N, C-alpha and C. Protein backbone atom coordinates (compact mmCIF):
# COMPACT_ATOMS: atom_id res chain seq x y z
N UNK A 1 1.97 4.59 4.60
CA UNK A 1 0.97 4.40 3.19
C UNK A 1 0.86 6.10 3.50
N UNK A 2 1.15 6.58 2.18
CA UNK A 2 0.50 7.84 1.79
C UNK A 2 -0.86 8.34 0.78
N UNK A 3 -0.92 9.78 0.73
CA UNK A 3 -1.94 10.23 0.08
C UNK A 3 -1.97 9.80 -1.44
N UNK A 4 -0.90 9.80 -2.18
CA UNK A 4 -0.85 9.80 -3.71
C UNK A 4 -1.03 8.02 -3.91
N UNK A 5 -0.20 7.92 -5.18
CA UNK A 5 -0.57 6.78 -5.92
C UNK A 5 0.70 5.83 -5.35
N UNK A 6 1.34 6.08 -4.96
CA UNK A 6 2.72 5.20 -4.25
C UNK A 6 2.54 4.26 -3.68
N UNK A 7 2.73 3.07 -3.55
CA UNK A 7 2.49 1.76 -2.72
C UNK A 7 3.68 1.36 -2.23
N UNK A 8 3.95 0.42 -1.29
CA UNK A 8 4.77 -0.18 -0.65
C UNK A 8 5.75 -1.09 -2.17
N UNK A 9 6.76 -1.07 -2.34
CA UNK A 9 7.71 -2.39 -3.39
C UNK A 9 8.30 -2.89 -3.09
N UNK A 10 8.98 -3.93 -3.67
CA UNK A 10 9.64 -4.97 -3.34
C UNK A 10 11.26 -4.53 -3.10
N UNK A 11 11.77 -5.37 -2.68
CA UNK A 11 13.38 -5.02 -2.58
C UNK A 11 14.12 -4.87 -3.35
N UNK A 12 13.49 -5.62 -4.82
CA UNK A 12 14.34 -5.34 -6.07
C UNK A 12 14.38 -4.04 -6.59
N UNK A 13 13.16 -3.41 -6.29
CA UNK A 13 12.69 -2.17 -7.15
C UNK A 13 13.75 -1.01 -6.04
N UNK A 14 13.69 -1.30 -5.09
CA UNK A 14 13.97 -0.31 -4.06
C UNK A 14 15.00 0.88 -4.05
N UNK A 15 16.02 0.38 -5.28
CA UNK A 15 17.33 1.32 -5.60
C UNK A 15 16.78 2.64 -6.54
N UNK A 16 15.72 1.80 -7.39
CA UNK A 16 15.06 2.95 -8.42
C UNK A 16 14.27 3.66 -7.46
N UNK A 17 13.28 2.75 -6.39
CA UNK A 17 12.35 3.97 -6.29
C UNK A 17 12.98 5.34 -5.70
N UNK A 18 13.85 5.10 -4.72
CA UNK A 18 14.46 5.91 -4.02
C UNK A 18 15.30 7.14 -5.26
N UNK A 19 16.29 6.46 -6.22
CA UNK A 19 16.28 7.23 -7.41
C UNK A 19 15.64 8.56 -7.90
N UNK A 20 14.31 7.81 -8.38
CA UNK A 20 13.18 8.40 -8.96
C UNK A 20 12.41 9.25 -8.52
N UNK A 21 12.03 8.86 -6.63
CA UNK A 21 10.98 9.69 -6.12
C UNK A 21 11.08 10.09 -4.86
N UNK A 22 12.56 10.19 -4.38
CA UNK A 22 13.73 10.09 -3.42
C UNK A 22 12.90 9.43 -2.01
N UNK A 23 11.94 8.39 -2.31
CA UNK A 23 11.50 7.89 -0.77
C UNK A 23 11.14 6.09 -1.71
N UNK A 24 11.12 5.43 -0.53
CA UNK A 24 10.31 4.03 -1.03
C UNK A 24 9.60 3.67 0.09
N UNK A 25 8.67 2.87 0.02
CA UNK A 25 7.68 2.03 1.45
C UNK A 25 7.75 0.61 1.27
N UNK A 26 8.73 0.48 2.55
CA UNK A 26 8.98 -1.51 2.17
C UNK A 26 7.99 -1.85 3.09
N UNK A 27 6.83 -2.33 3.12
CA UNK A 27 6.11 -2.98 4.25
C UNK A 27 6.73 -3.95 4.92
N UNK A 28 7.08 -4.32 6.40
CA UNK A 28 7.13 -5.58 6.96
C UNK A 28 8.99 -5.93 6.73
N UNK A 29 9.42 -4.79 7.06
CA UNK A 29 10.83 -4.94 6.65
C UNK A 29 11.63 -5.41 7.92
N UNK A 30 11.12 -5.62 9.18
CA UNK A 30 11.55 -6.39 10.18
C UNK A 30 10.36 -6.93 10.85
N UNK A 31 10.45 -8.16 11.22
CA UNK A 31 9.84 -8.80 11.93
C UNK A 31 9.02 -8.33 13.35
N UNK A 32 7.90 -9.04 13.33
CA UNK A 32 7.00 -8.71 14.55
C UNK A 32 7.91 -8.85 15.88
N UNK A 33 8.52 -9.55 16.13
CA UNK A 33 9.60 -9.64 17.53
C UNK A 33 10.57 -8.91 17.76
N UNK A 34 11.24 -8.22 16.34
CA UNK A 34 11.86 -7.40 16.59
C UNK A 34 11.22 -5.76 16.65
N UNK A 35 10.13 -5.44 16.12
CA UNK A 35 9.34 -4.68 16.57
C UNK A 35 9.19 -4.56 18.15
N UNK A 36 8.61 -5.50 18.61
CA UNK A 36 8.25 -5.74 20.43
C UNK A 36 9.68 -5.32 20.55
N UNK A 37 10.55 -5.97 20.67
CA UNK A 37 11.47 -5.70 21.03
C UNK A 37 12.17 -4.26 21.54
N UNK A 38 12.05 -3.31 19.90
CA UNK A 38 12.19 -2.37 20.43
C UNK A 38 11.18 -1.18 21.44
N UNK A 39 10.08 -2.05 20.81
CA UNK A 39 9.22 -1.30 21.86
C UNK A 39 9.44 -1.24 23.64
N UNK A 40 9.54 -2.49 23.85
CA UNK A 40 10.20 -2.89 25.31
C UNK A 40 11.50 -2.33 25.96
N UNK A 41 12.39 -2.11 24.60
CA UNK A 41 13.73 -1.75 24.75
C UNK A 41 13.76 0.07 24.95
N UNK A 42 12.79 0.56 24.52
CA UNK A 42 12.61 2.04 24.41
C UNK A 42 11.87 2.83 25.48
N UNK A 43 12.12 4.14 25.98
CA UNK A 43 11.17 4.58 26.88
C UNK A 43 9.58 4.87 26.16
N UNK A 44 9.08 4.43 26.74
CA UNK A 44 7.49 4.83 25.83
C UNK A 44 6.67 6.13 26.42
N UNK A 45 7.47 6.61 27.49
CA UNK A 45 7.22 7.70 27.98
C UNK A 45 7.22 9.03 28.04
N UNK A 46 8.65 9.11 27.12
CA UNK A 46 9.43 9.47 26.40
C UNK A 46 9.13 10.03 24.92
N UNK A 47 9.04 11.46 24.60
CA UNK A 47 8.14 11.32 23.39
C UNK A 47 9.24 11.95 22.36
N UNK A 48 10.28 11.99 22.68
CA UNK A 48 11.64 12.50 21.46
C UNK A 48 12.64 11.92 22.27
N UNK A 49 13.61 10.99 21.75
CA UNK A 49 14.81 10.46 21.59
C UNK A 49 15.68 10.48 20.88
N UNK A 50 17.26 11.07 21.48
CA UNK A 50 17.86 11.24 20.21
C UNK A 50 19.27 10.13 20.64
N UNK A 51 20.00 9.98 19.99
CA UNK A 51 21.43 9.39 20.30
C UNK A 51 20.96 7.89 20.46
N UNK A 52 20.16 7.26 19.79
CA UNK A 52 19.46 5.97 20.34
C UNK A 52 20.77 4.64 19.57
N UNK A 53 21.80 5.31 19.07
CA UNK A 53 22.44 4.00 18.44
C UNK A 53 23.45 3.71 20.09
N UNK A 54 23.37 4.31 20.82
CA UNK A 54 23.93 3.95 22.08
C UNK A 54 22.97 2.92 22.49
N UNK A 55 22.20 2.61 22.13
CA UNK A 55 21.17 1.73 23.01
C UNK A 55 21.05 0.18 22.49
N UNK A 56 21.71 -0.80 22.91
CA UNK A 56 22.39 -1.92 22.27
C UNK A 56 21.17 -2.36 21.09
N UNK A 57 19.66 -2.44 21.37
CA UNK A 57 19.00 -3.12 20.53
C UNK A 57 18.48 -2.28 19.57
N UNK A 58 18.60 -1.08 19.42
CA UNK A 58 18.52 0.12 18.11
C UNK A 58 20.02 -0.43 17.52
N UNK A 59 21.37 -0.63 18.34
CA UNK A 59 22.50 -0.56 17.32
C UNK A 59 22.27 -1.89 16.33
N UNK A 60 21.78 -2.91 17.15
CA UNK A 60 21.47 -4.27 16.76
C UNK A 60 20.77 -4.28 15.43
N UNK A 61 19.81 -3.45 15.29
CA UNK A 61 18.59 -3.36 14.43
C UNK A 61 19.45 -2.47 13.44
N UNK A 62 20.03 -1.84 13.51
CA UNK A 62 20.89 -1.09 12.43
C UNK A 62 21.74 -1.78 11.54
N UNK A 63 21.83 -2.89 12.39
CA UNK A 63 22.99 -3.73 11.86
C UNK A 63 22.88 -5.12 11.45
N UNK A 64 21.59 -5.40 11.27
CA UNK A 64 20.75 -6.42 10.95
C UNK A 64 20.40 -6.51 9.55
N UNK A 65 20.39 -7.74 9.44
CA UNK A 65 20.23 -8.64 7.71
C UNK A 65 19.25 -7.63 7.19
N UNK A 66 18.11 -7.74 7.59
CA UNK A 66 17.20 -7.00 6.98
C UNK A 66 16.88 -5.73 6.59
N UNK A 67 17.91 -4.76 7.74
CA UNK A 67 17.81 -3.50 7.76
C UNK A 67 19.06 -3.12 6.53
N UNK A 68 20.09 -3.81 6.84
CA UNK A 68 21.70 -3.42 6.37
C UNK A 68 21.37 -3.82 4.53
N UNK A 69 20.36 -4.87 4.16
CA UNK A 69 19.97 -5.36 3.28
C UNK A 69 19.24 -4.25 2.24
N UNK A 70 18.16 -3.88 2.78
CA UNK A 70 17.65 -2.66 2.38
C UNK A 70 18.60 -1.00 1.92
N UNK A 71 19.09 -0.93 2.96
CA UNK A 71 20.23 0.07 2.70
C UNK A 71 21.14 -0.03 1.81
N UNK A 72 22.08 -1.23 1.87
CA UNK A 72 23.16 -1.49 0.61
C UNK A 72 22.80 -1.30 -0.28
N UNK A 73 21.24 -1.99 -0.35
CA UNK A 73 20.65 -1.39 -2.52
C UNK A 73 21.11 -0.14 -2.85
N UNK A 74 20.65 0.55 -1.82
CA UNK A 74 20.77 2.06 -2.28
C UNK A 74 22.53 2.81 -2.43
N UNK A 75 22.90 2.41 -0.98
CA UNK A 75 24.13 3.17 -0.50
C UNK A 75 25.53 2.45 -0.65
N UNK A 76 25.36 0.99 -1.12
CA UNK A 76 26.62 0.09 -1.07
C UNK A 76 27.15 -0.50 0.31
N UNK A 77 27.95 -1.56 0.49
CA UNK A 77 28.06 -2.41 1.12
C UNK A 77 29.24 -1.40 2.52
N UNK A 78 29.53 -0.52 2.03
CA UNK A 78 30.12 0.22 3.32
C UNK A 78 29.39 1.14 3.56
N UNK A 79 28.32 1.66 3.63
CA UNK A 79 27.25 2.31 4.27
C UNK A 79 27.06 2.00 6.12
N UNK A 80 26.90 2.94 6.68
CA UNK A 80 26.85 2.89 8.49
C UNK A 80 25.61 3.58 8.90
N UNK A 81 25.01 3.21 9.84
CA UNK A 81 24.40 4.20 10.90
C UNK A 81 25.09 5.24 11.27
N UNK A 82 24.74 6.08 11.53
CA UNK A 82 25.02 7.26 12.24
C UNK A 82 24.48 7.97 13.09
N UNK A 83 22.86 7.93 12.89
CA UNK A 83 21.87 8.82 13.77
C UNK A 83 20.95 7.65 14.40
N UNK A 84 20.18 7.61 15.59
CA UNK A 84 19.13 7.18 15.89
C UNK A 84 18.45 8.17 16.93
N UNK A 85 17.11 8.08 15.88
CA UNK A 85 16.26 8.99 17.12
C UNK A 85 14.57 8.35 16.98
N UNK A 86 14.07 8.44 18.32
CA UNK A 86 12.65 7.87 18.13
C UNK A 86 11.74 9.40 18.33
N UNK A 87 10.35 9.03 17.63
CA UNK A 87 9.44 10.15 17.58
C UNK A 87 8.49 9.54 18.27
N UNK A 88 7.73 9.95 19.57
CA UNK A 88 6.74 8.95 20.10
C UNK A 88 5.76 9.86 20.31
N UNK A 89 4.79 9.72 19.26
CA UNK A 89 3.34 10.81 18.77
C UNK A 89 2.21 9.83 19.44
N UNK A 90 1.65 10.62 20.10
CA UNK A 90 0.38 9.91 20.68
C UNK A 90 -0.79 10.72 20.88
N UNK A 91 -1.93 10.30 20.72
CA UNK A 91 -2.85 11.14 20.77
C UNK A 91 -3.16 12.37 22.05
N UNK A 92 -2.31 11.89 22.88
CA UNK A 92 -2.00 12.96 24.49
C UNK A 92 -0.92 13.55 24.02
N UNK A 93 -0.07 13.39 23.43
CA UNK A 93 1.32 14.43 23.07
C UNK A 93 1.60 14.25 21.83
N UNK A 94 1.04 14.99 21.02
CA UNK A 94 1.32 15.18 19.37
C UNK A 94 1.69 16.48 19.21
N UNK A 95 2.21 16.83 18.24
CA UNK A 95 2.85 18.50 17.97
C UNK A 95 3.17 18.48 16.03
N UNK A 96 2.83 19.74 15.87
CA UNK A 96 2.93 19.33 14.22
C UNK A 96 4.14 19.93 14.02
N UNK A 97 4.74 19.11 13.06
CA UNK A 97 6.16 19.44 12.56
C UNK A 97 5.98 20.66 10.90
N UNK A 98 6.18 21.71 10.80
CA UNK A 98 6.35 22.31 9.89
C UNK A 98 6.95 21.52 8.50
N UNK A 99 6.64 22.02 7.14
CA UNK A 99 7.58 21.20 6.26
C UNK A 99 8.63 21.75 6.65
N UNK A 100 9.76 20.79 6.48
CA UNK A 100 11.13 20.69 6.09
C UNK A 100 12.23 19.79 5.37
N UNK A 101 13.18 19.94 5.25
CA UNK A 101 13.90 18.68 4.66
C UNK A 101 15.03 18.84 5.63
N UNK A 102 15.65 17.63 5.51
CA UNK A 102 16.45 17.15 6.49
C UNK A 102 17.72 17.28 6.10
N UNK A 103 18.67 18.53 6.60
CA UNK A 103 19.58 18.72 6.16
C UNK A 103 20.44 19.07 7.05
N UNK A 104 20.84 18.51 8.34
CA UNK A 104 21.45 18.34 9.27
C UNK A 104 22.41 16.92 9.78
N UNK A 105 23.76 17.00 9.77
CA UNK A 105 24.06 15.79 10.42
C UNK A 105 25.29 16.01 11.69
N UNK A 106 24.77 14.66 12.47
CA UNK A 106 25.35 14.59 13.64
C UNK A 106 27.04 14.72 13.17
N UNK A 107 27.92 15.24 14.38
CA UNK A 107 29.35 15.68 14.08
C UNK A 107 29.96 15.44 15.48
N UNK A 108 31.14 14.62 15.75
CA UNK A 108 31.84 14.56 16.97
C UNK A 108 32.36 16.05 17.21
N UNK A 109 32.41 16.36 16.80
CA UNK A 109 33.55 18.05 17.00
C UNK A 109 33.08 18.70 16.29
N UNK A 110 33.17 20.19 16.44
CA UNK A 110 32.98 21.17 15.76
C UNK A 110 34.52 21.75 15.49
N UNK A 111 34.46 22.13 13.76
CA UNK A 111 35.16 21.86 13.15
C UNK A 111 35.38 23.21 12.02
N UNK A 112 35.92 24.16 11.83
CA UNK A 112 35.55 25.11 10.97
C UNK A 112 35.81 24.13 9.45
N UNK A 113 35.21 24.09 8.82
CA UNK A 113 35.15 23.31 7.28
C UNK A 113 34.51 24.20 6.42
N UNK A 114 34.81 24.74 5.04
CA UNK A 114 34.19 25.54 4.23
C UNK A 114 33.21 24.54 3.73
N UNK A 115 32.09 25.41 3.65
CA UNK A 115 30.78 24.74 3.32
C UNK A 115 29.89 24.05 4.32
N UNK A 116 30.25 23.99 5.51
CA UNK A 116 29.52 23.52 6.72
C UNK A 116 29.04 24.47 7.66
N UNK A 117 27.99 24.73 7.32
CA UNK A 117 27.15 25.79 8.43
C UNK A 117 25.69 25.69 8.37
N UNK A 118 25.11 26.41 9.28
CA UNK A 118 25.29 27.10 10.23
C UNK A 118 25.57 25.42 11.22
N UNK A 119 25.75 25.95 12.23
CA UNK A 119 25.71 24.60 13.76
C UNK A 119 24.62 25.00 14.49
N UNK A 120 24.65 23.81 15.39
CA UNK A 120 23.53 23.70 16.16
C UNK A 120 24.08 22.50 17.08
N UNK A 121 23.55 22.92 18.57
CA UNK A 121 24.03 21.34 19.31
C UNK A 121 22.64 20.68 19.69
N UNK A 122 22.15 19.94 19.33
CA UNK A 122 21.11 18.97 19.55
C UNK A 122 21.12 18.12 20.90
N UNK A 123 20.72 17.82 22.01
CA UNK A 123 21.01 16.44 23.13
C UNK A 123 22.17 16.78 23.12
N UNK A 124 23.34 17.73 23.23
CA UNK A 124 24.52 17.77 23.76
C UNK A 124 25.19 17.32 22.44
N UNK A 125 24.67 16.70 21.30
CA UNK A 125 25.65 16.47 19.96
C UNK A 125 25.76 17.55 19.17
N UNK A 126 26.94 17.80 18.31
CA UNK A 126 26.95 18.93 17.73
C UNK A 126 26.35 18.46 16.16
N UNK A 127 25.66 19.52 15.59
CA UNK A 127 24.96 18.79 14.58
C UNK A 127 25.69 20.31 13.09
N UNK A 128 25.09 19.98 11.88
CA UNK A 128 25.28 20.95 11.04
C UNK A 128 25.06 20.83 9.95
N UNK A 129 25.17 21.34 8.81
CA UNK A 129 24.69 21.73 7.51
C UNK A 129 25.79 21.35 6.36
N UNK A 130 25.99 20.25 6.08
CA UNK A 130 27.28 19.79 5.22
C UNK A 130 26.66 20.05 3.95
N UNK A 131 27.94 20.26 3.06
CA UNK A 131 27.37 20.80 1.51
C UNK A 131 26.95 19.87 0.60
N UNK A 132 26.21 19.98 -0.06
CA UNK A 132 24.47 19.30 -0.83
C UNK A 132 25.39 17.75 -1.20
N UNK A 133 26.68 17.70 -2.08
CA UNK A 133 26.88 16.42 -2.28
C UNK A 133 27.43 15.68 -1.50
N UNK A 134 27.25 16.29 -0.33
CA UNK A 134 27.37 15.08 1.04
C UNK A 134 26.15 14.42 1.44
N UNK A 135 25.05 15.56 1.66
CA UNK A 135 23.95 15.22 2.13
C UNK A 135 23.32 14.36 0.80
N UNK A 136 23.52 14.02 -0.49
CA UNK A 136 22.90 13.12 -1.52
C UNK A 136 23.32 11.77 -1.19
N UNK A 137 24.54 12.14 -0.12
CA UNK A 137 24.99 10.45 0.03
C UNK A 137 24.67 9.92 1.32
N UNK A 138 23.61 10.53 1.89
CA UNK A 138 23.29 10.18 2.91
C UNK A 138 21.59 9.32 2.71
N UNK A 139 21.20 8.54 3.37
CA UNK A 139 19.65 7.97 3.29
C UNK A 139 19.02 7.89 4.67
N UNK A 140 18.23 8.78 5.02
CA UNK A 140 17.57 8.30 5.93
C UNK A 140 16.28 7.14 5.85
N UNK A 141 16.56 6.62 7.17
CA UNK A 141 15.13 5.56 7.19
C UNK A 141 14.43 5.63 8.46
N UNK A 142 12.89 5.21 8.25
CA UNK A 142 12.33 5.03 9.51
C UNK A 142 11.85 4.33 9.39
N UNK A 143 11.50 3.41 10.35
CA UNK A 143 11.13 2.37 10.92
C UNK A 143 9.87 2.53 11.77
N UNK A 144 8.67 2.05 11.54
CA UNK A 144 7.32 2.47 12.35
C UNK A 144 7.16 1.58 12.97
N UNK A 145 6.93 1.96 14.46
CA UNK A 145 6.70 0.63 15.52
C UNK A 145 5.33 0.35 15.80
N UNK A 146 4.31 1.32 14.85
CA UNK A 146 3.41 1.06 14.86
C UNK A 146 2.43 1.07 13.68
N UNK A 147 0.90 0.56 13.62
CA UNK A 147 0.78 0.67 12.29
C UNK A 147 0.42 1.91 11.90
N UNK A 148 0.41 2.26 10.70
CA UNK A 148 0.54 3.76 9.83
C UNK A 148 -0.65 3.50 8.51
N UNK A 149 -1.72 4.54 8.91
CA UNK A 149 -2.54 4.43 7.39
C UNK A 149 -2.51 6.34 7.02
N UNK A 150 -3.15 6.54 5.97
CA UNK A 150 -3.32 7.78 5.65
C UNK A 150 -3.58 8.65 6.68
N UNK A 151 -4.79 7.88 7.14
CA UNK A 151 -5.35 8.50 8.76
C UNK A 151 -4.69 8.82 9.82
N UNK A 152 -3.33 8.39 10.07
CA UNK A 152 -2.65 8.53 11.28
C UNK A 152 -1.04 8.58 10.71
N UNK A 153 -0.87 8.41 9.40
CA UNK A 153 0.31 8.35 9.33
C UNK A 153 1.07 9.67 9.65
N UNK A 154 2.52 9.41 10.04
CA UNK A 154 3.50 10.36 10.68
C UNK A 154 4.10 11.45 9.63
N UNK A 155 3.88 11.21 8.33
CA UNK A 155 5.01 11.97 7.55
C UNK A 155 3.76 11.93 6.31
N UNK A 156 4.29 13.36 5.71
CA UNK A 156 4.18 13.60 4.55
C UNK A 156 5.68 13.92 3.44
N UNK A 157 5.36 13.29 2.38
CA UNK A 157 6.68 13.48 1.67
C UNK A 157 6.29 14.35 0.12
N UNK A 158 7.29 14.74 -0.21
CA UNK A 158 6.87 15.68 -1.40
C UNK A 158 7.88 14.70 -2.48
N UNK A 159 7.45 13.96 -3.37
CA UNK A 159 7.85 13.55 -4.21
C UNK A 159 8.93 13.99 -5.18
N UNK A 160 10.12 13.39 -5.49
CA UNK A 160 10.97 13.92 -6.08
C UNK A 160 11.69 15.29 -5.88
N UNK A 161 11.22 15.72 -4.51
CA UNK A 161 12.18 17.15 -4.12
C UNK A 161 13.34 17.26 -3.70
N UNK A 162 14.04 15.26 -3.88
CA UNK A 162 15.43 15.24 -3.62
C UNK A 162 16.28 15.82 -4.95
N UNK A 163 15.37 16.28 -5.85
CA UNK A 163 15.90 16.27 -6.95
C UNK A 163 16.54 18.27 -7.06
N UNK A 164 15.75 18.60 -6.70
CA UNK A 164 16.06 20.06 -6.61
C UNK A 164 16.72 21.15 -5.38
N UNK A 165 17.72 19.97 -4.83
CA UNK A 165 18.40 20.52 -3.88
C UNK A 165 17.84 21.26 -2.92
N UNK A 166 18.46 22.21 -1.70
CA UNK A 166 17.65 22.73 -0.79
C UNK A 166 16.71 23.63 -1.34
N UNK A 167 15.26 23.45 -0.53
CA UNK A 167 14.50 24.05 -1.34
C UNK A 167 14.20 25.16 -0.15
N UNK A 168 13.08 26.21 -0.50
CA UNK A 168 12.81 27.50 0.62
C UNK A 168 11.62 26.49 0.84
N UNK A 169 11.12 27.26 2.22
CA UNK A 169 9.48 26.63 2.27
C UNK A 169 8.55 26.73 1.50
N UNK A 170 8.41 28.16 0.97
CA UNK A 170 7.31 27.94 0.07
C UNK A 170 7.29 27.04 -1.24
């Protein structure tokens, strides 16, 4: 949940919410047994894990009807998962993340293409900032494995910021 007037939405209003606000909250989009399966298959002692589409249970979740039906509502039937990351913040291991926009994509190899820069390597995978029109075709989804409230929620969102392109931190 977030601190403003936004509330969980129904599946039918998902595309409109994403278009208007840049985000949507869909409660209980996967069942409890799926959440439990993820908790068992992922390393609960590691606080940050990348490249999780190589983990069968994560790949299965990304391809599941419950997740795909939501994403297809926004991106259409030809969409596909391209990145899987886990952040495991606990009272014993927590860290602040400065305000930012998700601007990088993971790619197979570094290739000089106009408009793609700067390049970074994260966990042995090439990442780059693509042009804005490519970012506009990407949808980030977050599936929370534990309960989230205004008090412990891991993310703050600036509604409608997606309509302003790349923003300065100010």
